[in-house]
Amino acid sequence: MQDEQRRGATPAPPTTATTSPTDAAPGTSQGKGAAGGDAAGARHIIIVGYGLSGRSCAGAIEGREGISMSIIETNAETVARCSKTGLHIILGDARNPEILRRAGIDRASDVAVTVPSDQITLAVVEQARKLNATVKIIARCTFVSGGMEATRRGADDVVIAEQVVATEFGRVMAAVLEP
């Protein structure tokens, strides 16, 4: 989907350079989400929420060279289950700056806030931006108004559920009308 569709009426914020290098921790797979040390040109991505959207983000990252990731999740059962697979997943609330620090916000190149609550998303966006001025933040919001607020608080890109649903309804209706 195009950037404009995800953002909708959300104005584009100023572009920022990302310079926070990282690397996988010794003995861990970068694809599994190591917390890592420094290496020039490497990326570290934080995913907030490990539901369907968070898992989709992790799947897009897994196996890519030079990228480490940390996941922040509030569900203890999910954290226990996924920790056994070697995934770097932290139990906690990403609105808490200490949890973001444990996930590596100081060296993060990207943060994907995938939780289905606009209130939590907005607070996490604001906190992440305070802790790392250059990190690229992708936020999930329900409505265009939430997306506009996420951008105001520091999100670089916003995935807006109502726009995704509208696009899909249009696509499905067009397909239904085909002879």
N, C-alpha and C. Protein backbone atom coordinates (compact mmCIF):
# COMPACT_ATOMS: atom_id res chain seq x y z
N MET A 1 0.84 -1.17 0.00
CA MET A 1 0.00 0.00 0.00
C MET A 1 0.89 1.24 0.00
N GLN A 2 0.44 2.26 -0.68
CA GLN A 2 1.24 3.46 -0.79
C GLN A 2 1.27 4.25 0.51
N ASP A 3 2.36 4.99 0.70
CA ASP A 3 2.53 5.83 1.89
C ASP A 3 1.34 6.75 2.11
N GLU A 4 0.87 7.37 1.02
CA GLU A 4 -0.22 8.32 1.14
C GLU A 4 -1.49 7.65 1.65
N GLN A 5 -1.75 6.41 1.23
CA GLN A 5 -2.94 5.72 1.69
C GLN A 5 -2.85 5.43 3.18
N ARG A 6 -1.68 5.03 3.66
CA ARG A 6 -1.53 4.74 5.08
C ARG A 6 -1.70 6.00 5.90
N ARG A 7 -1.19 7.10 5.40
CA ARG A 7 -1.25 8.34 6.14
C ARG A 7 -2.55 9.07 5.98
N GLY A 8 -3.18 8.93 4.83
CA GLY A 8 -4.43 9.64 4.58
C GLY A 8 -4.22 11.13 4.69
N ALA A 9 -5.00 11.77 5.51
CA ALA A 9 -4.92 13.22 5.67
C ALA A 9 -3.80 13.63 6.61
N THR A 10 -3.03 12.68 7.09
CA THR A 10 -1.96 12.98 8.02
C THR A 10 -0.83 13.69 7.29
N PRO A 11 -0.45 14.90 7.69
CA PRO A 11 0.63 15.60 7.03
C PRO A 11 1.97 14.92 7.27
N ALA A 12 2.84 14.99 6.28
CA ALA A 12 4.16 14.37 6.39
C ALA A 12 5.03 15.19 7.33
N PRO A 13 5.64 14.54 8.34
CA PRO A 13 6.53 15.26 9.25
C PRO A 13 7.88 15.46 8.59
N PRO A 14 8.72 16.31 9.16
CA PRO A 14 10.05 16.48 8.59
C PRO A 14 10.82 15.17 8.63
N THR A 15 11.60 14.93 7.60
CA THR A 15 12.40 13.72 7.54
C THR A 15 13.57 13.84 8.50
N THR A 16 13.88 12.74 9.21
CA THR A 16 15.00 12.74 10.13
C THR A 16 15.96 11.63 9.74
N ALA A 17 17.22 11.86 9.96
CA ALA A 17 18.23 10.85 9.66
C ALA A 17 18.32 9.88 10.84
N THR A 18 18.55 8.62 10.51
CA THR A 18 18.69 7.61 11.55
C THR A 18 20.15 7.19 11.61
N THR A 19 20.78 7.37 12.77
CA THR A 19 22.21 7.09 12.87
C THR A 19 22.55 6.14 14.00
N SER A 20 21.56 5.48 14.58
CA SER A 20 21.83 4.62 15.73
C SER A 20 22.23 3.22 15.29
N PRO A 21 23.53 2.89 15.27
CA PRO A 21 23.94 1.56 14.83
C PRO A 21 23.78 0.52 15.94
N THR A 22 23.62 -0.74 15.53
CA THR A 22 23.56 -1.85 16.46
C THR A 22 23.94 -3.13 15.76
N ASP A 23 24.06 -4.20 16.51
CA ASP A 23 24.43 -5.49 15.96
C ASP A 23 23.80 -6.56 16.84
N ALA A 24 23.79 -7.77 16.37
CA ALA A 24 23.25 -8.86 17.17
C ALA A 24 24.18 -9.17 18.34
N ALA A 25 23.59 -9.59 19.45
CA ALA A 25 24.38 -10.00 20.60
C ALA A 25 25.11 -11.29 20.26
N PRO A 26 26.30 -11.51 20.82
CA PRO A 26 27.03 -12.72 20.54
C PRO A 26 26.19 -13.96 20.84
N GLY A 27 26.20 -14.90 19.89
CA GLY A 27 25.53 -16.17 20.09
C GLY A 27 24.03 -16.13 19.84
N THR A 28 23.52 -15.02 19.30
CA THR A 28 22.09 -14.97 18.98
C THR A 28 21.90 -14.61 17.52
N SER A 29 20.82 -15.07 16.96
CA SER A 29 20.50 -14.81 15.56
C SER A 29 19.92 -13.42 15.41
N GLN A 30 20.40 -12.67 14.43
CA GLN A 30 19.83 -11.36 14.18
C GLN A 30 18.37 -11.50 13.78
N GLY A 31 18.05 -12.52 13.03
CA GLY A 31 16.68 -12.73 12.59
C GLY A 31 15.74 -13.02 13.74
N LYS A 32 16.22 -13.60 14.82
CA LYS A 32 15.37 -13.89 15.98
C LYS A 32 15.20 -12.70 16.89
N GLY A 33 15.98 -11.63 16.68
CA GLY A 33 15.75 -10.42 17.47
C GLY A 33 16.72 -10.21 18.59
N ALA A 34 17.99 -10.28 18.30
CA ALA A 34 19.00 -10.07 19.33
C ALA A 34 19.04 -8.63 19.77
N ALA A 35 19.47 -8.40 20.99
CA ALA A 35 19.51 -7.05 21.55
C ALA A 35 20.76 -6.28 21.17
N GLY A 36 21.82 -6.85 20.89
CA GLY A 36 23.03 -6.42 20.23
C GLY A 36 23.89 -5.28 20.72
N GLY A 37 25.13 -5.28 20.25
CA GLY A 37 26.11 -4.24 20.47
C GLY A 37 26.18 -3.36 19.24
N ASP A 38 27.24 -2.55 19.11
CA ASP A 38 27.34 -1.60 18.01
C ASP A 38 28.07 -2.19 16.81
N ALA A 39 27.59 -1.86 15.62
CA ALA A 39 28.24 -2.18 14.35
C ALA A 39 27.76 -1.15 13.34
N ALA A 40 28.69 -0.49 12.67
CA ALA A 40 28.34 0.56 11.73
C ALA A 40 27.37 0.04 10.68
N GLY A 41 26.31 0.81 10.44
CA GLY A 41 25.35 0.47 9.40
C GLY A 41 24.27 -0.52 9.82
N ALA A 42 24.37 -1.12 10.99
CA ALA A 42 23.36 -2.08 11.44
C ALA A 42 22.13 -1.34 11.93
N ARG A 43 21.00 -2.05 11.95
CA ARG A 43 19.75 -1.45 12.43
C ARG A 43 19.23 -2.23 13.62
N HIS A 44 18.56 -1.52 14.50
CA HIS A 44 17.89 -2.15 15.63
C HIS A 44 16.44 -1.67 15.61
N ILE A 45 15.51 -2.60 15.58
CA ILE A 45 14.09 -2.27 15.49
C ILE A 45 13.37 -2.76 16.74
N ILE A 46 12.54 -1.90 17.30
CA ILE A 46 11.70 -2.25 18.44
C ILE A 46 10.27 -2.39 17.95
N ILE A 47 9.65 -3.52 18.28
CA ILE A 47 8.25 -3.75 17.96
C ILE A 47 7.48 -3.73 19.28
N VAL A 48 6.47 -2.88 19.35
CA VAL A 48 5.65 -2.77 20.55
C VAL A 48 4.34 -3.49 20.26
N GLY A 49 4.14 -4.62 20.95
CA GLY A 49 2.96 -5.45 20.75
C GLY A 49 3.28 -6.63 19.85
N TYR A 50 2.91 -7.82 20.31
CA TYR A 50 3.22 -9.02 19.52
C TYR A 50 1.94 -9.79 19.18
N GLY A 51 0.91 -9.02 18.80
CA GLY A 51 -0.29 -9.62 18.23
C GLY A 51 -0.06 -9.84 16.75
N LEU A 52 -1.11 -9.92 15.99
CA LEU A 52 -1.01 -10.19 14.55
C LEU A 52 -0.14 -9.16 13.83
N SER A 53 -0.33 -7.88 14.11
CA SER A 53 0.46 -6.83 13.45
C SER A 53 1.93 -6.89 13.86
N GLY A 54 2.20 -7.09 15.14
CA GLY A 54 3.58 -7.20 15.61
C GLY A 54 4.29 -8.41 15.03
N ARG A 55 3.59 -9.53 14.97
CA ARG A 55 4.18 -10.74 14.37
C ARG A 55 4.45 -10.54 12.88
N SER A 56 3.58 -9.81 12.20
CA SER A 56 3.80 -9.52 10.79
C SER A 56 5.06 -8.67 10.60
N CYS A 57 5.25 -7.68 11.47
CA CYS A 57 6.48 -6.87 11.42
C CYS A 57 7.71 -7.74 11.65
N ALA A 58 7.65 -8.57 12.68
CA ALA A 58 8.78 -9.45 13.00
C ALA A 58 9.08 -10.39 11.84
N GLY A 59 8.04 -10.90 11.20
CA GLY A 59 8.24 -11.78 10.05
C GLY A 59 8.94 -11.08 8.90
N ALA A 60 8.66 -9.79 8.72
CA ALA A 60 9.32 -9.02 7.66
C ALA A 60 10.80 -8.78 7.97
N ILE A 61 11.14 -8.78 9.25
CA ILE A 61 12.52 -8.52 9.69
C ILE A 61 13.34 -9.81 9.75
N GLU A 62 12.72 -10.88 10.21
CA GLU A 62 13.42 -12.13 10.47
C GLU A 62 14.26 -12.59 9.28
N GLY A 63 15.50 -12.95 9.59
CA GLY A 63 16.42 -13.47 8.59
C GLY A 63 17.17 -12.42 7.80
N ARG A 64 16.89 -11.15 8.01
CA ARG A 64 17.60 -10.09 7.29
C ARG A 64 18.92 -9.81 8.00
N GLU A 65 19.96 -9.71 7.23
CA GLU A 65 21.29 -9.43 7.76
C GLU A 65 21.38 -8.00 8.27
N GLY A 66 22.10 -7.82 9.35
CA GLY A 66 22.37 -6.48 9.88
C GLY A 66 21.20 -5.83 10.61
N ILE A 67 20.18 -6.63 10.94
CA ILE A 67 19.04 -6.07 11.67
C ILE A 67 18.79 -6.90 12.92
N SER A 68 18.73 -6.23 14.05
CA SER A 68 18.34 -6.89 15.30
C SER A 68 17.00 -6.30 15.71
N MET A 69 16.28 -7.04 16.56
CA MET A 69 15.01 -6.51 17.02
C MET A 69 14.74 -6.91 18.46
N SER A 70 13.98 -6.07 19.11
CA SER A 70 13.46 -6.33 20.45
C SER A 70 11.97 -6.14 20.37
N ILE A 71 11.24 -6.98 21.10
CA ILE A 71 9.79 -6.88 21.13
C ILE A 71 9.37 -6.59 22.56
N ILE A 72 8.42 -5.68 22.71
CA ILE A 72 7.85 -5.36 24.01
C ILE A 72 6.40 -5.84 23.99
N GLU A 73 6.05 -6.65 24.98
CA GLU A 73 4.71 -7.26 25.03
C GLU A 73 4.20 -7.25 26.47
N THR A 74 2.91 -7.02 26.65
CA THR A 74 2.33 -6.98 27.99
C THR A 74 1.76 -8.32 28.44
N ASN A 75 1.60 -9.27 27.54
CA ASN A 75 1.02 -10.57 27.88
C ASN A 75 2.12 -11.52 28.33
N ALA A 76 2.11 -11.88 29.61
CA ALA A 76 3.16 -12.71 30.20
C ALA A 76 3.24 -14.09 29.54
N GLU A 77 2.10 -14.67 29.18
CA GLU A 77 2.10 -15.99 28.54
C GLU A 77 2.78 -15.93 27.17
N THR A 78 2.50 -14.88 26.42
CA THR A 78 3.14 -14.71 25.11
C THR A 78 4.65 -14.56 25.27
N VAL A 79 5.06 -13.76 26.24
CA VAL A 79 6.49 -13.54 26.47
C VAL A 79 7.17 -14.85 26.86
N ALA A 80 6.57 -15.62 27.77
CA ALA A 80 7.16 -16.89 28.20
C ALA A 80 7.28 -17.86 27.02
N ARG A 81 6.22 -17.97 26.24
CA ARG A 81 6.22 -18.89 25.09
C ARG A 81 7.26 -18.48 24.05
N CYS A 82 7.32 -17.20 23.71
CA CYS A 82 8.21 -16.73 22.65
C CYS A 82 9.67 -16.66 23.09
N SER A 83 9.90 -16.44 24.38
CA SER A 83 11.28 -16.41 24.89
C SER A 83 11.97 -17.74 24.68
N LYS A 84 11.21 -18.83 24.77
CA LYS A 84 11.76 -20.18 24.59
C LYS A 84 12.29 -20.40 23.18
N THR A 85 11.81 -19.62 22.21
CA THR A 85 12.24 -19.79 20.82
C THR A 85 13.47 -18.96 20.49
N GLY A 86 13.95 -18.18 21.47
CA GLY A 86 15.12 -17.35 21.25
C GLY A 86 14.79 -15.92 20.84
N LEU A 87 13.53 -15.59 20.77
CA LEU A 87 13.11 -14.24 20.42
C LEU A 87 13.46 -13.29 21.57
N HIS A 88 13.98 -12.12 21.25
CA HIS A 88 14.29 -11.13 22.28
C HIS A 88 13.00 -10.37 22.57
N ILE A 89 12.24 -10.84 23.56
CA ILE A 89 10.94 -10.27 23.89
C ILE A 89 10.92 -9.90 25.37
N ILE A 90 10.47 -8.70 25.66
CA ILE A 90 10.50 -8.13 27.00
C ILE A 90 9.07 -7.97 27.51
N LEU A 91 8.84 -8.39 28.72
CA LEU A 91 7.54 -8.20 29.35
C LEU A 91 7.49 -6.79 29.93
N GLY A 92 6.50 -6.01 29.51
CA GLY A 92 6.37 -4.68 30.07
C GLY A 92 5.52 -3.76 29.22
N ASP A 93 5.33 -2.57 29.73
CA ASP A 93 4.53 -1.54 29.10
C ASP A 93 5.47 -0.52 28.46
N ALA A 94 5.38 -0.35 27.14
CA ALA A 94 6.29 0.54 26.42
C ALA A 94 6.08 2.01 26.73
N ARG A 95 5.04 2.34 27.48
CA ARG A 95 4.88 3.73 27.92
C ARG A 95 5.89 4.06 29.01
N ASN A 96 6.46 3.03 29.61
CA ASN A 96 7.47 3.18 30.67
C ASN A 96 8.84 3.37 30.02
N PRO A 97 9.52 4.49 30.26
CA PRO A 97 10.81 4.73 29.62
C PRO A 97 11.85 3.65 29.94
N GLU A 98 11.79 3.05 31.13
CA GLU A 98 12.75 2.00 31.48
C GLU A 98 12.58 0.76 30.58
N ILE A 99 11.35 0.44 30.25
CA ILE A 99 11.09 -0.70 29.36
C ILE A 99 11.63 -0.39 27.96
N LEU A 100 11.41 0.82 27.48
CA LEU A 100 11.97 1.20 26.18
C LEU A 100 13.49 1.17 26.20
N ARG A 101 14.09 1.58 27.31
CA ARG A 101 15.56 1.52 27.42
C ARG A 101 16.05 0.08 27.38
N ARG A 102 15.36 -0.82 28.09
CA ARG A 102 15.72 -2.25 28.07
C ARG A 102 15.63 -2.82 26.66
N ALA A 103 14.71 -2.30 25.86
CA ALA A 103 14.54 -2.77 24.48
C ALA A 103 15.56 -2.15 23.54
N GLY A 104 16.31 -1.14 24.00
CA GLY A 104 17.36 -0.53 23.18
C GLY A 104 16.95 0.72 22.44
N ILE A 105 16.06 1.53 23.02
CA ILE A 105 15.59 2.74 22.36
C ILE A 105 16.74 3.70 22.03
N ASP A 106 17.78 3.71 22.85
CA ASP A 106 18.90 4.63 22.61
C ASP A 106 19.63 4.34 21.31
N ARG A 107 19.61 3.09 20.84
CA ARG A 107 20.31 2.73 19.60
C ARG A 107 19.34 2.31 18.49
N ALA A 108 18.05 2.41 18.76
CA ALA A 108 17.05 1.95 17.78
C ALA A 108 17.03 2.85 16.54
N SER A 109 16.88 2.21 15.40
CA SER A 109 16.70 2.95 14.16
C SER A 109 15.22 3.10 13.83
N ASP A 110 14.41 2.14 14.32
CA ASP A 110 12.98 2.13 14.01
C ASP A 110 12.20 1.60 15.21
N VAL A 111 10.98 2.11 15.36
CA VAL A 111 10.03 1.60 16.35
C VAL A 111 8.70 1.41 15.64
N ALA A 112 8.11 0.22 15.77
CA ALA A 112 6.78 -0.05 15.22
C ALA A 112 5.82 -0.23 16.40
N VAL A 113 4.89 0.67 16.55
CA VAL A 113 3.91 0.59 17.64
C VAL A 113 2.66 -0.04 17.05
N THR A 114 2.46 -1.34 17.33
CA THR A 114 1.42 -2.12 16.66
C THR A 114 0.21 -2.42 17.53
N VAL A 115 0.14 -1.87 18.71
CA VAL A 115 -0.95 -2.19 19.64
C VAL A 115 -2.27 -1.60 19.14
N PRO A 116 -3.41 -2.27 19.46
CA PRO A 116 -4.71 -1.82 18.94
C PRO A 116 -5.39 -0.74 19.78
N SER A 117 -4.65 -0.01 20.57
CA SER A 117 -5.22 1.06 21.39
C SER A 117 -4.57 2.38 21.02
N ASP A 118 -5.38 3.31 20.51
CA ASP A 118 -4.83 4.62 20.14
C ASP A 118 -4.24 5.34 21.35
N GLN A 119 -4.88 5.23 22.49
CA GLN A 119 -4.39 5.91 23.69
C GLN A 119 -2.98 5.42 24.04
N ILE A 120 -2.77 4.11 24.01
CA ILE A 120 -1.44 3.56 24.30
C ILE A 120 -0.47 3.93 23.20
N THR A 121 -0.90 3.81 21.95
CA THR A 121 -0.03 4.15 20.82
C THR A 121 0.49 5.58 20.93
N LEU A 122 -0.41 6.51 21.20
CA LEU A 122 0.00 7.92 21.29
C LEU A 122 1.00 8.15 22.42
N ALA A 123 0.79 7.51 23.55
CA ALA A 123 1.72 7.66 24.68
C ALA A 123 3.08 7.05 24.35
N VAL A 124 3.10 5.90 23.68
CA VAL A 124 4.36 5.25 23.32
C VAL A 124 5.11 6.09 22.28
N VAL A 125 4.40 6.61 21.30
CA VAL A 125 5.03 7.46 20.29
C VAL A 125 5.72 8.65 20.96
N GLU A 126 5.00 9.29 21.85
CA GLU A 126 5.55 10.46 22.54
C GLU A 126 6.78 10.09 23.37
N GLN A 127 6.71 8.99 24.09
CA GLN A 127 7.83 8.56 24.94
C GLN A 127 9.04 8.17 24.09
N ALA A 128 8.80 7.41 23.02
CA ALA A 128 9.91 6.99 22.15
C ALA A 128 10.60 8.20 21.52
N ARG A 129 9.81 9.18 21.10
CA ARG A 129 10.39 10.38 20.50
C ARG A 129 11.22 11.16 21.51
N LYS A 130 10.77 11.22 22.77
CA LYS A 130 11.54 11.91 23.81
C LYS A 130 12.88 11.23 24.04
N LEU A 131 12.90 9.90 23.97
CA LEU A 131 14.11 9.14 24.28
C LEU A 131 15.07 9.00 23.11
N ASN A 132 14.57 9.17 21.88
CA ASN A 132 15.43 9.04 20.70
C ASN A 132 14.86 9.96 19.62
N ALA A 133 15.50 11.10 19.45
CA ALA A 133 15.00 12.12 18.52
C ALA A 133 15.07 11.71 17.06
N THR A 134 15.92 10.73 16.71
CA THR A 134 16.11 10.38 15.31
C THR A 134 15.46 9.06 14.90
N VAL A 135 14.88 8.34 15.83
CA VAL A 135 14.28 7.04 15.52
C VAL A 135 13.08 7.23 14.57
N LYS A 136 12.93 6.33 13.62
CA LYS A 136 11.74 6.35 12.73
C LYS A 136 10.63 5.59 13.45
N ILE A 137 9.49 6.24 13.62
CA ILE A 137 8.38 5.64 14.35
C ILE A 137 7.22 5.38 13.40
N ILE A 138 6.76 4.14 13.40
CA ILE A 138 5.58 3.74 12.63
C ILE A 138 4.51 3.41 13.66
N ALA A 139 3.35 4.05 13.56
CA ALA A 139 2.29 3.89 14.55
C ALA A 139 1.02 3.33 13.92
N ARG A 140 0.32 2.53 14.68
CA ARG A 140 -0.99 2.00 14.29
C ARG A 140 -2.07 2.81 15.01
N CYS A 141 -3.02 3.31 14.24
CA CYS A 141 -4.15 4.04 14.82
C CYS A 141 -5.45 3.56 14.17
N THR A 142 -6.55 3.78 14.87
CA THR A 142 -7.84 3.34 14.39
C THR A 142 -8.45 4.32 13.39
N PHE A 143 -8.39 5.60 13.70
CA PHE A 143 -9.05 6.62 12.89
C PHE A 143 -8.05 7.65 12.39
N VAL A 144 -8.42 8.38 11.34
CA VAL A 144 -7.57 9.42 10.77
C VAL A 144 -7.19 10.44 11.85
N SER A 145 -8.13 10.81 12.70
CA SER A 145 -7.84 11.79 13.75
C SER A 145 -6.73 11.29 14.68
N GLY A 146 -6.74 10.00 15.02
CA GLY A 146 -5.67 9.42 15.83
C GLY A 146 -4.34 9.44 15.09
N GLY A 147 -4.39 9.18 13.79
CA GLY A 147 -3.18 9.22 12.96
C GLY A 147 -2.58 10.61 12.92
N MET A 148 -3.45 11.61 12.82
CA MET A 148 -2.96 12.99 12.82
C MET A 148 -2.30 13.33 14.15
N GLU A 149 -2.90 12.86 15.25
CA GLU A 149 -2.33 13.11 16.57
C GLU A 149 -1.01 12.37 16.74
N ALA A 150 -0.93 11.14 16.23
CA ALA A 150 0.33 10.37 16.31
C ALA A 150 1.44 11.10 15.56
N THR A 151 1.11 11.67 14.42
CA THR A 151 2.11 12.44 13.65
C THR A 151 2.53 13.67 14.44
N ARG A 152 1.57 14.34 15.04
CA ARG A 152 1.89 15.53 15.85
C ARG A 152 2.83 15.18 16.99
N ARG A 153 2.67 13.98 17.55
CA ARG A 153 3.49 13.56 18.70
C ARG A 153 4.83 12.95 18.29
N GLY A 154 5.04 12.76 16.98
CA GLY A 154 6.36 12.30 16.55
C GLY A 154 6.41 11.08 15.65
N ALA A 155 5.26 10.51 15.26
CA ALA A 155 5.29 9.36 14.35
C ALA A 155 5.68 9.82 12.95
N ASP A 156 6.49 9.01 12.29
CA ASP A 156 6.91 9.30 10.92
C ASP A 156 5.93 8.73 9.89
N ASP A 157 5.38 7.57 10.19
CA ASP A 157 4.39 6.91 9.35
C ASP A 157 3.29 6.39 10.25
N VAL A 158 2.07 6.36 9.71
CA VAL A 158 0.93 5.87 10.46
C VAL A 158 0.12 4.93 9.59
N VAL A 159 -0.23 3.78 10.15
CA VAL A 159 -1.14 2.85 9.50
C VAL A 159 -2.49 3.06 10.17
N ILE A 160 -3.46 3.51 9.37
CA ILE A 160 -4.77 3.87 9.92
C ILE A 160 -5.78 2.80 9.52
N ALA A 161 -6.33 2.13 10.53
CA ALA A 161 -7.22 0.99 10.30
C ALA A 161 -8.42 1.36 9.43
N GLU A 162 -9.07 2.48 9.68
CA GLU A 162 -10.26 2.82 8.91
C GLU A 162 -9.93 3.03 7.44
N GLN A 163 -8.74 3.48 7.12
CA GLN A 163 -8.35 3.65 5.72
C GLN A 163 -8.04 2.31 5.07
N VAL A 164 -7.40 1.42 5.81
CA VAL A 164 -7.10 0.08 5.29
C VAL A 164 -8.42 -0.65 4.99
N VAL A 165 -9.37 -0.56 5.92
CA VAL A 165 -10.67 -1.21 5.74
C VAL A 165 -11.40 -0.58 4.55
N ALA A 166 -11.39 0.73 4.44
CA ALA A 166 -12.06 1.41 3.32
C ALA A 166 -11.47 0.97 1.98
N THR A 167 -10.16 0.89 1.91
CA THR A 167 -9.50 0.46 0.68
C THR A 167 -9.91 -0.96 0.31
N GLU A 168 -9.94 -1.84 1.31
CA GLU A 168 -10.33 -3.23 1.06
C GLU A 168 -11.79 -3.34 0.64
N PHE A 169 -12.69 -2.57 1.25
CA PHE A 169 -14.09 -2.59 0.84
C PHE A 169 -14.22 -2.14 -0.62
N GLY A 170 -13.50 -1.11 -0.99
CA GLY A 170 -13.52 -0.65 -2.37
C GLY A 170 -13.02 -1.72 -3.33
N ARG A 171 -11.95 -2.40 -2.96
CA ARG A 171 -11.39 -3.46 -3.80
C ARG A 171 -12.36 -4.62 -3.94
N VAL A 172 -12.95 -5.05 -2.81
CA VAL A 172 -13.89 -6.17 -2.83
C VAL A 172 -15.14 -5.80 -3.63
N MET A 173 -15.66 -4.58 -3.44
CA MET A 173 -16.84 -4.17 -4.18
C MET A 173 -16.56 -4.13 -5.68
N ALA A 174 -15.41 -3.61 -6.06
CA ALA A 174 -15.04 -3.58 -7.47
C ALA A 174 -14.97 -4.99 -8.05
N ALA A 175 -14.43 -5.93 -7.27
CA ALA A 175 -14.35 -7.32 -7.73
C ALA A 175 -15.74 -7.95 -7.85
N VAL A 176 -16.64 -7.61 -6.93
CA VAL A 176 -18.01 -8.15 -6.97
C VAL A 176 -18.73 -7.63 -8.22
N LEU A 177 -18.46 -6.40 -8.62
CA LEU A 177 -19.13 -5.79 -9.76
C LEU A 177 -18.57 -6.22 -11.11
N GLU A 178 -17.44 -6.90 -11.12
CA GLU A 178 -16.85 -7.40 -12.37
C GLU A 178 -17.75 -8.48 -12.95
N PRO A 179 -17.97 -8.44 -14.26
CA PRO A 179 -18.84 -9.46 -14.89
C PRO A 179 -18.26 -10.87 -14.84
